[in-house]
Amino acid sequence: MKSNSIFQKFQKNHAKIIDFAQEIKSLSEFPPEIVAESLEELTVAMEELNVAQEELLQQNQEIEQVRTKIEIQSQRYQDLFELAPDGYLVTDKAGNIQQANRAASELFKVSQQFLAGKPLSIFVPPADRAFFRAKLNKVVEGLKVAEWEIRLKPRHGDIFVAAITVSSFRSEENNTSNWLWLIRDITERKQTEIALRKMHITETANRILFQELKIQQQLEIALRESESRFRYIFEEVGVSIWEENFTQVKAALQTLQAQGVEDLRQYLTEHPEFIQEAINLIQVLDVNSTTVQMFEAESKEQLLVSLPQICLPETVEIFIDELVAIAAGCTLFSGETVVQTLTGKPMNVLFTIKFPSVNDLSERVIVTLFDISDRKRAEQLLTQQAEDLQQLNVSLTQTSQLLIERNQELDRFVYIVSHDLKAPLRAISNLSTWLAEDLSQELSDNSLHQITLLQQRVQRMEDLIDGLLVYSRAGRNETESQMIDVAELVDEILDSLAPPATFNIIVANNLPRIFAKRLLLSQVFSNLISNAIKHHDRVDGHIHISSMEQPEYCVFSIADDGPGIAPEHYQRVFDIFQTLKASNNNENTGIGLSIVKKITEAEGGEIWLESELGKGTTFYFTWLKHSQ
């Protein structure tokens, strides 16, 4: 802009000088003062022209300096471009080479002059050109910088792998968009990567191989240990173990199937000779020491060839099921059968046979045998005992029914006897009473005393008959069980007995609640408490009623401080009609404790006593907490 202004000023002053020169030619026609003025203007114009010329000269020098710098920078860029170790290309948008450096020329094995104007795609192998165009289109679509790897084919030589970086730029010289290409031969790097990859694969393979060898060694050790453990278990397990080979048996069964045998079980039943043949085809490979002892053999060798000798008819029957299982592809078969030892002793055995699976390469079949002869004998004994028990139950049922009938007959008999016996007793009692009343003035005192004794004996006889009736029914009461508060029950009994006011009766506060038959428990307490009162030798006696709980039953006690009972009479007091007092005591029939004992035992309990003469007696009895 500055140079243009100076140039315009120079042109303007130059035009003025020309005009002044023409005016000087005609000075003679003008007055001197006009000529002087014109010369002065000419002088000014010349000065301005000189200034403009100086400015123009200075501007030209500046332009020259800038041009020199540009040329130096351009040469420096060109040197960098030319001497770069990697190949550089400049192409237009179509990929035509406009400029190439020396490294690019060496990569493509062609001179730089030859590269100019050539499309870059000619150095791409035909198989890779579609890929090259696709990448080029990505750059065209606006990608500023793109990088990829591609194979290139120089004019002379082998294909190499190149890493390409391409970026777009605009040329200021012709204002066009061009591409700058950086091309680097990475063949060695690729070879190194491949070598490293191969090395890594080799190292990985070696590591895997080492691990496999280590695992194989561990497996071999484990196999030896497993074999050792198997041998130990095989010999010491205490179970009969047979190691057998069924290969020939399977082949024989396959032959039958190939011949069209469909129902194998029916065929085997109709052809027992095949079963015997199959038994002979089984190869016994080994047996353990338990088997030698169980089958009474002298050595293993005897059993390796003696399989048919231990078979019985029962063995043949179960062998049919075994052959059917083998044909069906079963891997496990078990059952019970009877075999015999080498000495001919029969033996019941429980056996299990483990056949190899389809994928198992081993043909070894493991057979385990358990001697269950004792169990079979026990089962037979239990069966016999069960039959005997069933017969016994039938007999017991019949006996129970007969007992029920006899008890019913006894009840009727006791009722009839008590009724028939009481009738004449009442007549005797009435007659004696009438005699005493009608002849009281005529009879002597001795006669009246005899009549009184007669009445007492009659009353005692009636009491005995009533006691006998109660005793016969004791324990056979069919009342249902209920929840009982024993403390309340004892209070009711004491209230009904109405003991003398001078008696001191203490009831413990820990009496329990139980599920029992109320009437029977009431009879037991009533008899024991009334006995303690009746047989006390003082009117100010003490009675203590208490209990002690056990897991399933309660122990009740009734203690008094009466005369006591001698040890020789402990059992006698529970016998019927037995009493320790004179027989003329009307209140003592000798039946009460017998009834108590009978009821207690019928309800699953027991009764006993502890006593000391002159100090008192304690009766104990047990009662279930939950009786039916």
Foldseek 3Di string as FASTA:
>chain_A
DVLVVLVVLLVVLVVLLVVLVVVVVVVVVDDVVVNVVSVVVNVVSVVSNVVSVVVNVVVVVVVVVVVVVVVVVVVVVVCCQQPPCWKKFKFALQQQTQFIHPNVCVVQVHDRVVSHRHHPLVFAPPVCSVVVVVQSVVVVVPDAKDWDKGWTHHPDDDIFIWIKIKGWDADPVVRGIMIMITIDGCRVVVVVVVVVVVVVVVVVVVVVVVVVVVVVVVVVVVVVVVVVVCLCCQAPVLWKKWKKFQVVVVVVVVVCVVVPDDPQLVVCVVCVVVLVVSQQNIFTDWIYPSNCVVLVHPDGVVVRRCRVVFDDPQNSVVVSVVSVCVVVQDQKDWDWTWTHHNVGHIFIWTKMKGADHPPDPDRIIMMIIDGCRVVVVVVVVVVVVVVVVVVVVVVVVVVVVVVVVVLVVVLVVLVVVLVVVLVVLVVLLVVLVVCCVVCVVPDDPVVNVVSVLSNLVSLLVNVLSVLVSLLSCQLVDPAAWAKDQVVVLLVVLCVVVVQDPLEAEAEDPPRHIFTGRSVLVSLLSNLVVVCLRVQAPDSNKYWYWYWDDDPWKIKIKIKIQGQKDDPVCFVVLLDAQDDPDDPSPSVDRSRSSVSNQRNLVSQPKGKGKDIDGNGIIMIMMMHTRHTD
